[in-house]
Amino acid sequence: MAALSRAIRAHALNRRVKDRRVALERCTGELEQIVEKLGRGREQAHVLIVDDDPALLQALPQALHLRMAGVTVETADSAPAALERIAARDYDAIVTDIKMPGMDGLALLAEIRARQPDTPILIITGHGEYDLSVRALRGGAYDFIQKPIDRDHFVATLYRAIRTNASNRRAETGSWLERCTSELEVIVEMLGRELRATPPRGAP
């Protein structure tokens, strides 16, 4: 009976240790994500501009390079091309025209929100397209830029979007750290209690 009791206790302890190991691995994974996010925060901001107008794809990056230091700008001439880029990396902000052939800006907005819900998205709308602007905002757009584009207003709005995204990431990082710290403290305490309660090997 004593041997059976020890075997049951050992099995229960092994199971609890396994559960704690899973929790530790989860925390480790979250901490690795935190480190990755913090590393990204020290890099240049990455912006994606999506438009089927070659002139805008040339003019807007030039405006950003002239007015914003430390920003890397990539472009895509269609929604499918944009989705390929988004699948490859996270962006600090995305700017897209609302009227494009095939998948339009509203459909692209929905796709981005599903894949990267925290990424701020600016929608470019034509003059007088108030209804489309409202639909974009309701769909989760950060803001809209109206044509003809005022370069200074565009740069200022994009800067606010990038800054807001960075602030949200820092807040999320702090929340993850607090949660992981609490979980690790609980795990260490429970393992310590279990080890103290376990009889030494060879004890009756």
Protein backbone atom coordinates (compact mmCIF):
# COMPACT_ATOMS: atom_id res chain seq x y z
CA MET A 1 0.00 0.00 0.00
CA ALA A 2 2.83 2.37 0.85
CA ALA A 3 4.47 1.72 -2.52
CA LEU A 4 1.16 2.27 -4.33
CA SER A 5 0.62 5.53 -2.44
CA ARG A 6 4.10 6.74 -3.38
CA ALA A 7 3.49 5.78 -7.01
CA ILE A 8 0.21 7.73 -7.08
CA ARG A 9 1.86 10.76 -5.49
CA ALA A 10 4.75 10.57 -7.95
CA HIS A 11 2.36 10.31 -10.91
CA ALA A 12 0.35 13.31 -9.68
CA LEU A 13 3.52 15.32 -9.18
CA ASN A 14 4.81 14.46 -12.64
CA ARG A 15 1.52 15.56 -14.14
CA ARG A 16 1.60 18.86 -12.28
CA VAL A 17 5.22 19.40 -13.30
CA LYS A 18 4.20 18.78 -16.93
CA ASP A 19 1.39 21.31 -16.62
CA ARG A 20 3.81 23.86 -15.15
CA ARG A 21 6.26 23.18 -17.97
CA VAL A 22 3.55 23.92 -20.54
CA ALA A 23 2.76 27.18 -18.74
CA LEU A 24 6.44 28.10 -18.67
CA GLU A 25 6.78 27.39 -22.38
CA ARG A 26 3.78 29.60 -23.08
CA CYS A 27 5.30 32.41 -21.03
CA THR A 28 8.61 31.95 -22.80
CA GLY A 29 6.86 32.25 -26.16
CA GLU A 30 5.13 35.45 -25.08
CA LEU A 31 8.39 36.89 -23.78
CA GLU A 32 10.06 36.13 -27.10
CA GLN A 33 7.26 38.05 -28.85
CA ILE A 34 7.83 40.95 -26.47
CA VAL A 35 11.54 40.99 -27.28
CA GLU A 36 10.72 40.91 -31.00
CA LYS A 37 8.28 43.81 -30.66
CA LEU A 38 10.75 45.84 -28.63
CA GLY A 39 13.39 45.16 -31.26
CA ARG A 40 11.04 46.36 -33.98
CA GLY A 41 10.37 49.49 -31.97
CA ARG A 42 14.04 50.48 -32.30
CA GLU A 43 13.97 50.11 -36.08
CA GLN A 44 12.65 52.56 -38.62
CA ALA A 45 8.90 52.80 -39.01
CA HIS A 46 7.63 50.80 -42.01
CA VAL A 47 4.76 52.21 -44.07
CA LEU A 48 2.91 50.56 -46.95
CA ILE A 49 1.17 52.71 -49.58
CA VAL A 50 -1.39 51.00 -51.83
CA ASP A 51 -2.71 52.72 -54.95
CA ASP A 52 -3.23 51.89 -58.61
CA ASP A 53 -2.10 55.41 -59.62
CA PRO A 54 1.64 55.33 -60.46
CA ALA A 55 1.93 59.09 -59.93
CA LEU A 56 0.71 58.83 -56.32
CA LEU A 57 2.92 55.81 -55.67
CA GLN A 58 5.85 58.03 -56.61
CA ALA A 59 4.72 61.31 -55.02
CA LEU A 60 3.63 60.10 -51.57
CA PRO A 61 6.87 58.24 -50.70
CA GLN A 62 8.82 61.31 -51.83
CA ALA A 63 6.72 63.51 -49.51
CA LEU A 64 7.35 61.15 -46.60
CA HIS A 65 11.09 60.97 -47.21
CA LEU A 66 11.29 64.78 -47.33
CA ARG A 67 9.16 65.41 -44.23
CA MET A 68 9.64 62.32 -42.01
CA ALA A 69 13.02 61.07 -40.88
CA GLY A 70 13.41 57.40 -40.08
CA VAL A 71 10.62 55.93 -42.17
CA THR A 72 10.82 53.12 -44.71
CA VAL A 73 8.14 53.26 -47.40
CA GLU A 74 7.02 50.34 -49.54
CA THR A 75 4.37 50.47 -52.26
CA ALA A 76 1.85 48.13 -53.87
CA ASP A 77 -0.18 48.87 -57.00
CA SER A 78 -3.13 46.63 -56.10
CA ALA A 79 -4.89 45.06 -53.14
CA PRO A 80 -3.60 41.52 -53.94
CA ALA A 81 -0.04 42.85 -54.13
CA ALA A 82 -0.58 44.61 -50.79
CA LEU A 83 -1.83 41.40 -49.15
CA GLU A 84 1.33 39.60 -50.29
CA ARG A 85 3.46 42.25 -48.62
CA ILE A 86 1.32 42.21 -45.47
CA ALA A 87 1.72 38.43 -45.24
CA ALA A 88 5.49 38.89 -45.26
CA ARG A 89 5.81 41.57 -42.55
CA ASP A 90 4.03 43.83 -40.06
CA TYR A 91 3.69 47.52 -40.91
CA ASP A 92 3.49 50.46 -38.55
CA ALA A 93 0.85 52.05 -40.79
CA ILE A 94 -0.84 51.32 -44.12
CA VAL A 95 -2.23 53.87 -46.57
CA THR A 96 -4.63 52.71 -49.28
CA ASP A 97 -6.81 54.29 -51.94
CA ILE A 98 -10.46 53.42 -51.60
CA LYS A 99 -11.20 53.05 -55.32
CA MET A 100 -9.08 50.44 -57.07
CA PRO A 101 -9.92 47.86 -59.75
CA GLY A 102 -10.74 44.39 -58.47
CA MET A 103 -10.56 44.45 -54.68
CA ASP A 104 -11.23 48.01 -53.53
CA GLY A 105 -9.92 49.80 -50.47
CA LEU A 106 -12.86 48.85 -48.25
CA ALA A 107 -12.40 45.15 -48.98
CA LEU A 108 -8.66 45.52 -48.42
CA LEU A 109 -9.38 47.31 -45.14
CA ALA A 110 -11.48 44.35 -43.97
CA GLU A 111 -8.72 41.89 -44.91
CA ILE A 112 -6.05 43.88 -43.10
CA ARG A 113 -8.22 44.24 -40.00
CA ALA A 114 -8.67 40.46 -39.96
CA ARG A 115 -4.94 39.78 -40.33
CA GLN A 116 -3.36 42.68 -38.45
CA PRO A 117 -6.12 44.26 -36.34
CA ASP A 118 -3.79 46.68 -34.54
CA THR A 119 -2.24 48.24 -37.66
CA PRO A 120 -3.54 51.78 -38.30
CA ILE A 121 -4.95 52.21 -41.81
CA LEU A 122 -5.41 55.50 -43.62
CA ILE A 123 -7.92 55.56 -46.48
CA ILE A 124 -7.52 57.88 -49.47
CA THR A 125 -10.91 59.10 -50.74
CA GLY A 126 -11.94 61.36 -53.59
CA HIS A 127 -13.45 64.80 -53.07
CA GLY A 128 -17.08 64.54 -51.99
CA GLU A 129 -16.97 60.81 -51.20
CA TYR A 130 -18.34 61.39 -47.71
CA ASP A 131 -20.33 58.13 -47.54
CA LEU A 132 -17.25 56.08 -48.43
CA SER A 133 -15.22 57.91 -45.79
CA VAL A 134 -17.83 57.12 -43.14
CA ARG A 135 -17.92 53.47 -44.20
CA ALA A 136 -14.14 53.31 -43.96
CA LEU A 137 -14.12 54.76 -40.45
CA ARG A 138 -16.86 52.37 -39.37
CA GLY A 139 -14.84 49.54 -40.88
CA GLY A 140 -11.92 50.33 -38.60
CA ALA A 141 -9.86 52.85 -40.56
CA TYR A 142 -7.70 55.14 -38.42
CA ASP A 143 -8.52 58.20 -40.57
CA PHE A 144 -9.08 59.22 -44.17
CA ILE A 145 -7.14 61.49 -46.52
CA GLN A 146 -9.11 63.38 -49.12
CA LYS A 147 -7.97 64.07 -52.69
CA PRO A 148 -6.40 66.31 -53.81
CA ILE A 149 -3.95 65.31 -51.13
CA ASP A 150 -2.46 68.04 -48.97
CA ARG A 151 1.07 66.74 -48.39
CA ASP A 152 1.51 68.40 -44.98
CA HIS A 153 -1.84 67.11 -43.71
CA PHE A 154 -1.04 63.63 -45.04
CA VAL A 155 2.34 63.50 -43.31
CA ALA A 156 0.93 64.86 -40.02
CA THR A 157 -1.93 62.33 -40.00
CA LEU A 158 0.40 59.44 -40.82
CA TYR A 159 2.80 60.53 -38.09
CA ARG A 160 -0.02 60.47 -35.53
CA ALA A 161 -1.04 56.99 -36.71
CA ILE A 162 2.51 55.66 -36.32
CA ARG A 163 2.89 57.26 -32.90
CA THR A 164 -0.45 55.84 -31.74
CA ASN A 165 0.56 52.37 -32.94
CA ALA A 166 3.89 52.59 -31.08
CA SER A 167 2.12 53.69 -27.89
CA ASN A 168 -0.35 50.80 -28.15
CA ARG A 169 2.50 48.33 -28.61
CA ARG A 170 4.27 49.61 -25.50
CA ALA A 171 1.06 49.28 -23.49
CA GLU A 172 0.53 45.74 -24.82
CA THR A 173 4.12 44.85 -23.96
CA GLY A 174 3.65 46.07 -20.38
CA SER A 175 0.48 44.00 -20.04
CA TRP A 176 2.22 40.86 -21.32
CA LEU A 177 5.12 41.38 -18.92
CA GLU A 178 2.78 41.75 -15.95
CA ARG A 179 0.83 38.63 -16.90
CA CYS A 180 3.94 36.52 -17.47
CA THR A 181 5.51 37.71 -14.23
CA SER A 182 2.39 36.76 -12.27
CA GLU A 183 2.20 33.34 -13.93
CA LEU A 184 5.86 32.63 -13.26
CA GLU A 185 5.51 33.64 -9.61
CA VAL A 186 2.56 31.27 -9.19
CA ILE A 187 4.42 28.43 -10.93
CA VAL A 188 7.52 28.85 -8.77
CA GLU A 189 5.46 29.01 -5.58
CA MET A 190 3.41 25.91 -6.43
CA LEU A 191 6.46 23.88 -7.45
CA GLY A 192 8.20 24.89 -4.23
CA ARG A 193 5.24 23.72 -2.13
CA GLU A 194 5.00 20.42 -4.03
CA LEU A 195 8.71 19.73 -3.67
CA ARG A 196 8.57 20.44 0.07
CA ALA A 197 5.55 18.13 0.44
CA THR A 198 7.17 15.28 -1.52
CA PRO A 199 8.91 12.70 0.72
CA PRO A 200 12.61 12.15 0.04
CA ARG A 201 13.47 9.23 -2.21
CA GLY A 202 13.65 6.03 -0.21
CA ALA A 203 11.44 7.35 2.60
CA PRO A 204 8.66 4.91 3.69
